[in-house]
Amino acid sequence: MRFDPPILSFVPPTTEAERPIRFTFEQGAFAGRTFAGTLFICPNPCCHCQTLRFTCRPDAAPNGPAAATSAAPPPPLRFSLKALDRAVDTEVETPAEALALAHAVVADLQLLDWQHWTGVFLATKRSQMKTIDLDTVTAWLPPEVLSGQATMVGYAEVFPWAEELRLPLAGDTWIADDQYCIDADCGCQTTILSFIRLPRVLTRPTRTLRFDAVLRHDYLRDRSTVEERRFRSPEATELMAALHMAHPDCNAFFQERHRQLRYLARRLIPSGVRNVRRAPRLQTSEVLPEPSPPPPPPPVRAAIKPGRNDPCPCGSGRKYKKCCGH
């Protein structure tokens, strides 16, 4: 399949949700036919959807087949693809004609095309994260955090398309998972880093990856202490040296990630939960009355909650129950 402009021209990405696109089939039932239209990528970096949504019509270019002879243009064909799954997004309701076109696109795309589209998708999401408006973005925190039962949040839990902290060490590839305390009354300036050694050959797709070491890292002082470490795992100094080598500015973006999560927590966590955390604690020597069951935390109210079958407000094209309401 040929694209005009080429896929690589989409990187570096822009913050615009839609971009013009034109593609020509090289094989299959649509071989030689050209379609032109727009590509839409969900503008919410917190949304878990991986949708590439195409809106296109047969192109009436002089060198291609005419789209129609009538004055009115044909209705646009809309379909969605899953960038990382390399498949048609069947969760989005798609008319038969557009669905046939979507399957033809998947059949004509080569492996390199899919790799380019995945790169475009991830680069766009990460570009959105740099310009995100924390006051208005639709974001989600884990239920246990919203109810006040926990205060630690992994950055990837809120921003699923964030850049992975990969690092090479001793011939292996490692990933550092970063978590942060989002309690507004806590003045900590640390992140909990869990280091995971990736298997060289993943023989079982469902294999559970285990943490080899867990460090508490002060990103302002650049100091780390060991919370947990498996036998024969690298020392904390080795892990942090490899992390600094792979990501020289890691302390700066640890600080920025912590700021983003704390800001969202102040906005999303119910005030009643925050007030309970701020309540003064009695000394253990004081006589306490028989505790009564605590009232349930107040629900998190959204400004406007769409119906389960309404289009998702993130713009992915799916129903709300299949996307952000999942």
Protein backbone atom coordinates (compact mmCIF):
# COMPACT_ATOMS: atom_id res chain seq x y z
CA MET A 1 0.00 0.00 0.00
CA ARG A 2 1.30 3.46 -0.94
CA PHE A 3 0.63 6.49 1.26
CA ASP A 4 0.73 10.15 0.25
CA PRO A 5 2.14 11.76 2.30
CA PRO A 6 4.33 8.87 3.48
CA ILE A 7 3.68 7.53 6.97
CA LEU A 8 7.08 8.71 8.18
CA SER A 9 6.05 12.31 7.49
CA PHE A 10 3.62 12.02 10.42
CA VAL A 11 6.59 11.94 12.82
CA PRO A 12 7.32 14.18 14.64
CA PRO A 13 3.62 14.38 15.39
CA THR A 14 1.46 17.44 15.84
CA THR A 15 -1.16 18.01 18.51
CA GLU A 16 -3.94 18.11 15.91
CA ALA A 17 -6.48 15.30 16.19
CA GLU A 18 -7.02 14.92 12.42
CA ARG A 19 -4.56 14.91 9.55
CA PRO A 20 -5.05 14.51 5.80
CA ILE A 21 -4.15 11.15 4.31
CA ARG A 22 -4.25 9.51 0.88
CA PHE A 23 -3.50 5.86 0.14
CA THR A 24 -3.50 3.56 -2.89
CA PHE A 25 -4.05 -0.20 -2.79
CA GLU A 26 -1.42 -2.38 -4.45
CA GLN A 27 -3.20 -5.74 -4.21
CA GLY A 28 -6.54 -7.37 -3.50
CA ALA A 29 -10.01 -6.40 -4.65
CA PHE A 30 -9.20 -2.68 -4.36
CA ALA A 31 -5.85 -2.89 -6.24
CA GLY A 32 -5.09 0.37 -8.03
CA ARG A 33 -7.84 2.35 -6.28
CA THR A 34 -6.98 5.48 -4.32
CA PHE A 35 -8.81 6.88 -1.29
CA ALA A 36 -8.35 10.27 0.33
CA GLY A 37 -9.54 11.65 3.64
CA THR A 38 -8.36 12.15 7.21
CA LEU A 39 -6.78 10.13 10.00
CA PHE A 40 -7.98 10.72 13.56
CA ILE A 41 -6.08 9.72 16.72
CA CYS A 42 -7.82 10.05 20.09
CA PRO A 43 -6.56 13.33 21.64
CA ASN A 44 -6.69 12.04 25.23
CA PRO A 45 -3.31 10.63 26.37
CA CYS A 46 -5.04 8.96 29.34
CA CYS A 47 -7.39 6.93 27.14
CA HIS A 48 -6.53 3.24 26.75
CA CYS A 49 -7.89 2.96 23.21
CA GLN A 50 -5.36 2.32 20.45
CA THR A 51 -7.62 3.47 17.63
CA LEU A 52 -6.60 4.87 14.26
CA ARG A 53 -9.84 6.18 12.77
CA PHE A 54 -10.02 6.75 9.02
CA THR A 55 -12.63 8.85 7.21
CA CYS A 56 -12.19 8.67 3.45
CA ARG A 57 -13.79 8.68 0.01
CA PRO A 58 -12.68 7.27 -3.35
CA ASP A 59 -10.22 9.78 -4.77
CA ALA A 60 -11.17 11.54 -8.00
CA ALA A 61 -7.58 12.33 -8.96
CA PRO A 62 -6.91 12.52 -12.73
CA ASN A 63 -4.66 9.47 -12.68
CA GLY A 64 -7.08 7.39 -10.60
CA PRO A 65 -10.59 6.07 -11.06
CA ALA A 66 -13.33 8.66 -10.76
CA ALA A 67 -15.24 8.48 -7.54
CA ALA A 68 -18.60 9.46 -9.01
CA THR A 69 -20.10 11.43 -11.87
CA SER A 70 -22.91 12.98 -9.85
CA ALA A 71 -22.60 16.47 -8.39
CA ALA A 72 -22.95 15.23 -4.82
CA PRO A 73 -19.88 13.43 -3.46
CA PRO A 74 -20.37 9.89 -2.13
CA PRO A 75 -20.83 9.55 1.63
CA PRO A 76 -17.55 9.09 3.51
CA LEU A 77 -16.45 5.64 4.62
CA ARG A 78 -15.43 5.46 8.27
CA PHE A 79 -13.53 2.60 9.86
CA SER A 80 -11.07 2.09 12.72
CA LEU A 81 -7.90 0.02 13.10
CA LYS A 82 -6.10 -1.07 16.26
CA ALA A 83 -2.53 0.11 15.86
CA LEU A 84 -0.83 -2.32 18.25
CA ASP A 85 -3.08 -5.31 17.49
CA ARG A 86 -2.71 -4.77 13.73
CA ALA A 87 -6.38 -5.53 13.18
CA VAL A 88 -9.76 -3.99 12.39
CA ASP A 89 -11.45 -2.50 15.43
CA THR A 90 -14.66 -4.53 15.39
CA GLU A 91 -15.89 -2.92 18.63
CA VAL A 92 -16.79 0.18 16.63
CA GLU A 93 -20.03 -0.13 14.69
CA THR A 94 -19.03 0.00 11.02
CA PRO A 95 -21.26 -0.22 7.90
CA ALA A 96 -20.64 -3.21 5.63
CA GLU A 97 -19.01 -1.19 2.82
CA ALA A 98 -16.62 0.57 5.19
CA LEU A 99 -15.88 -2.72 6.99
CA ALA A 100 -14.92 -4.36 3.67
CA LEU A 101 -12.56 -1.45 3.00
CA ALA A 102 -11.06 -1.80 6.50
CA HIS A 103 -10.32 -5.50 6.01
CA ALA A 104 -8.76 -4.71 2.62
CA VAL A 105 -6.50 -2.13 4.26
CA VAL A 106 -5.37 -4.65 6.90
CA ALA A 107 -4.67 -7.26 4.19
CA ASP A 108 -2.64 -4.78 2.11
CA LEU A 109 -0.57 -3.29 4.95
CA GLN A 110 2.92 -4.72 5.30
CA LEU A 111 4.74 -5.35 8.59
CA LEU A 112 6.84 -2.21 8.11
CA ASP A 113 3.64 -0.18 7.58
CA TRP A 114 2.23 -1.43 10.89
CA GLN A 115 5.48 -0.62 12.66
CA HIS A 116 5.35 2.91 11.26
CA TRP A 117 1.69 3.34 12.31
CA THR A 118 2.51 2.11 15.82
CA GLY A 119 5.32 4.64 15.98
CA VAL A 120 2.99 7.40 14.81
CA PHE A 121 0.38 6.44 17.40
CA LEU A 122 2.83 6.32 20.34
CA ALA A 123 4.62 9.49 19.26
CA THR A 124 1.31 11.33 18.98
CA LYS A 125 0.18 10.18 22.43
CA ARG A 126 3.49 11.21 23.98
CA SER A 127 3.33 14.56 22.22
CA GLN A 128 -0.15 15.07 23.69
CA MET A 129 1.25 14.37 27.16
CA LYS A 130 3.58 17.38 26.82
CA THR A 131 0.71 19.78 26.12
CA ILE A 132 -1.94 18.17 28.32
CA ASP A 133 -4.32 20.43 30.26
CA LEU A 134 -4.46 18.81 33.68
CA ASP A 135 -7.51 20.90 34.60
CA THR A 136 -9.74 19.44 31.87
CA VAL A 137 -8.28 16.10 30.73
CA THR A 138 -10.44 13.04 31.32
CA ALA A 139 -8.27 10.87 33.56
CA TRP A 140 -8.81 7.92 35.89
CA LEU A 141 -7.20 6.92 39.17
CA PRO A 142 -7.31 3.39 40.65
CA PRO A 143 -10.44 2.71 42.73
CA GLU A 144 -8.44 2.04 45.88
CA VAL A 145 -6.88 5.51 45.56
CA LEU A 146 -10.22 7.24 45.02
CA SER A 147 -11.63 5.53 48.11
CA GLY A 148 -8.65 6.50 50.28
CA GLN A 149 -7.33 2.96 50.77
CA ALA A 150 -4.04 3.64 48.94
CA THR A 151 -1.87 6.59 47.94
CA MET A 152 0.62 5.01 45.51
CA VAL A 153 -0.07 5.33 41.79
CA GLY A 154 1.96 3.98 38.88
CA TYR A 155 2.50 6.53 36.15
CA ALA A 156 1.55 4.00 33.47
CA GLU A 157 -1.77 3.41 35.27
CA VAL A 158 -2.83 6.96 34.42
CA PHE A 159 -0.85 7.49 31.21
CA PRO A 160 -0.81 4.05 29.54
CA TRP A 161 1.19 5.21 26.50
CA ALA A 162 4.02 6.84 28.45
CA GLU A 163 7.57 6.11 27.39
CA GLU A 164 8.92 2.92 28.92
CA LEU A 165 12.07 3.24 31.02
CA ARG A 166 14.15 0.59 29.30
CA LEU A 167 17.80 0.05 30.14
CA PRO A 168 20.48 -2.46 29.11
CA LEU A 169 22.46 -4.18 31.85
CA ALA A 170 24.71 -7.25 31.79
CA GLY A 171 23.47 -8.39 28.40
CA ASP A 172 19.78 -8.16 29.38
CA THR A 173 17.06 -5.60 28.83
CA TRP A 174 15.38 -4.19 31.92
CA ILE A 175 12.31 -2.04 32.54
CA ALA A 176 11.90 0.32 35.49
CA ASP A 177 8.30 0.81 36.61
CA ASP A 178 7.83 4.11 38.48
CA GLN A 179 5.19 4.75 41.16
CA TYR A 180 4.49 7.86 43.20
CA CYS A 181 2.74 8.95 46.40
CA ILE A 182 -0.12 11.28 45.43
CA ASP A 183 -1.10 12.36 48.96
CA ALA A 184 -1.28 16.17 48.79
CA ASP A 185 -0.21 16.46 52.45
CA CYS A 186 2.90 14.35 51.93
CA GLY A 187 5.98 16.28 50.98
CA CYS A 188 8.00 13.32 49.73
CA GLN A 189 10.14 13.80 46.65
CA THR A 190 10.72 10.17 45.83
CA THR A 191 9.60 7.53 43.39
CA ILE A 192 9.40 3.78 43.91
CA LEU A 193 11.28 2.08 41.07
CA SER A 194 10.61 -1.61 40.42
CA PHE A 195 13.20 -3.13 38.10
CA ILE A 196 12.09 -6.03 35.89
CA ARG A 197 14.44 -8.15 33.82
CA LEU A 198 12.81 -9.02 30.50
CA PRO A 199 13.27 -12.63 29.36
CA ARG A 200 15.48 -13.05 26.32
CA VAL A 201 13.02 -15.53 24.82
CA LEU A 202 9.41 -15.34 25.94
CA THR A 203 8.32 -18.95 25.50
CA ARG A 204 5.00 -18.49 27.33
CA PRO A 205 3.00 -15.38 26.38
CA THR A 206 1.18 -15.40 29.71
CA ARG A 207 4.34 -15.60 31.78
CA THR A 208 4.24 -13.26 34.79
CA LEU A 209 7.24 -10.96 35.07
CA ARG A 210 8.69 -10.57 38.57
CA PHE A 211 10.46 -7.63 40.15
CA ASP A 212 14.17 -8.25 40.67
CA ALA A 213 14.70 -5.15 42.78
CA VAL A 214 12.61 -2.35 44.26
CA LEU A 215 14.31 0.96 45.09
CA ARG A 216 13.11 4.15 46.74
CA HIS A 217 14.73 6.93 44.73
CA ASP A 218 15.01 10.57 45.77
CA TYR A 219 14.93 12.38 42.42
CA LEU A 220 16.10 15.71 43.87
CA ARG A 221 19.13 14.37 45.74
CA ASP A 222 19.69 11.51 43.29
CA ARG A 223 19.93 8.97 46.10
CA SER A 224 18.44 5.48 46.25
CA THR A 225 17.75 2.99 49.01
CA VAL A 226 16.84 -0.67 48.59
CA GLU A 227 13.31 -1.68 49.53
CA GLU A 228 13.51 -5.23 48.20
CA ARG A 229 16.05 -7.19 46.19
CA ARG A 230 16.11 -10.77 44.94
CA PHE A 231 19.16 -12.95 45.44
CA ARG A 232 21.85 -12.37 42.81
CA SER A 233 20.09 -9.36 41.35
CA PRO A 234 22.31 -6.38 40.44
CA GLU A 235 23.18 -3.91 43.14
CA ALA A 236 21.19 -0.69 43.40
CA THR A 237 24.19 1.34 42.22
CA GLU A 238 24.44 -0.79 39.05
CA LEU A 239 20.74 -0.45 38.27
CA MET A 240 20.71 3.31 38.78
CA ALA A 241 23.92 3.78 36.78
CA ALA A 242 22.37 1.86 33.87
CA LEU A 243 19.17 3.91 34.19
CA HIS A 244 21.11 7.19 34.13
CA MET A 245 23.08 5.99 31.13
CA ALA A 246 19.92 5.13 29.17
CA HIS A 247 17.91 8.15 30.39
CA PRO A 248 20.26 10.97 31.45
CA ASP A 249 17.36 13.28 32.35
CA CYS A 250 15.39 10.70 34.34
CA ASN A 251 15.41 12.74 37.57
CA ALA A 252 13.79 15.68 35.79
CA PHE A 253 10.95 13.65 34.36
CA PHE A 254 10.47 11.76 37.64
CA GLN A 255 9.82 15.15 39.20
CA GLU A 256 7.45 16.17 36.39
CA ARG A 257 5.55 12.88 36.50
CA HIS A 258 5.10 13.22 40.25
CA ARG A 259 3.79 16.77 39.81
CA GLN A 260 1.25 15.65 37.18
CA LEU A 261 -0.10 12.79 39.30
CA ARG A 262 -0.42 14.93 42.44
CA TYR A 263 -2.25 17.62 40.46
CA LEU A 264 -4.72 15.08 39.06
CA ALA A 265 -5.18 13.57 42.53
CA ARG A 266 -6.15 16.94 44.01
CA ARG A 267 -8.70 17.30 41.23
CA LEU A 268 -10.14 13.78 41.11
CA ILE A 269 -10.06 12.46 44.69
CA PRO A 270 -13.25 13.39 46.58
CA SER A 271 -12.77 16.11 49.18
CA GLY A 272 -14.22 13.82 51.86
CA VAL A 273 -11.41 11.32 51.31
CA ARG A 274 -8.77 14.05 51.53
CA ASN A 275 -10.31 15.45 54.73
CA VAL A 276 -10.23 12.03 56.38
CA ARG A 277 -6.50 11.82 55.69
CA ARG A 278 -5.98 15.25 57.25
CA ALA A 279 -7.94 14.43 60.42
CA PRO A 280 -5.77 14.56 63.60
CA ARG A 281 -4.76 11.21 65.00
CA LEU A 282 -5.20 10.41 68.72
CA GLN A 283 -2.31 9.14 70.77
CA THR A 284 -2.32 5.41 71.41
CA SER A 285 -2.51 6.08 75.17
CA GLU A 286 -5.91 7.77 74.85
CA VAL A 287 -9.04 5.74 75.49
CA LEU A 288 -10.97 5.40 72.26
CA PRO A 289 -14.71 4.75 72.06
CA GLU A 290 -16.01 1.74 70.21
CA PRO A 291 -15.50 2.59 66.54
CA SER A 292 -18.54 2.78 64.33
CA PRO A 293 -18.48 1.60 60.72
CA PRO A 294 -17.12 4.39 58.53
CA PRO A 295 -19.55 5.86 56.00
CA PRO A 296 -18.93 4.93 52.38
CA PRO A 297 -16.85 7.49 50.46
CA PRO A 298 -18.88 9.90 48.35
CA PRO A 299 -19.05 8.99 44.67
CA VAL A 300 -16.84 10.75 42.18
CA ARG A 301 -19.10 12.98 40.17
CA ALA A 302 -18.44 13.65 36.54
CA ALA A 303 -19.63 16.83 34.92
CA ILE A 304 -21.45 14.96 32.15
CA LYS A 305 -21.66 11.19 32.05
CA PRO A 306 -22.57 9.76 28.66
CA GLY A 307 -24.87 6.77 28.29
CA ARG A 308 -23.37 3.32 27.84
CA ASN A 309 -24.34 3.24 24.17
CA ASP A 310 -23.48 6.89 23.45
CA PRO A 311 -20.29 7.73 21.48
CA CYS A 312 -17.29 8.00 23.77
CA PRO A 313 -16.43 11.69 24.50
CA CYS A 314 -12.73 10.96 23.87
CA GLY A 315 -13.50 10.83 20.15
CA SER A 316 -12.35 7.26 19.48
CA GLY A 317 -15.57 6.40 17.64
CA ARG A 318 -16.46 3.57 20.02
CA LYS A 319 -19.41 3.32 22.30
CA TYR A 320 -18.72 4.67 25.81
CA LYS A 321 -19.13 1.19 27.35
CA LYS A 322 -16.50 -0.22 24.98
CA CYS A 323 -13.94 2.56 25.50
CA CYS A 324 -13.47 4.93 28.46
CA GLY A 325 -16.47 3.44 30.30
CA HIS A 326 -14.97 -0.06 30.12
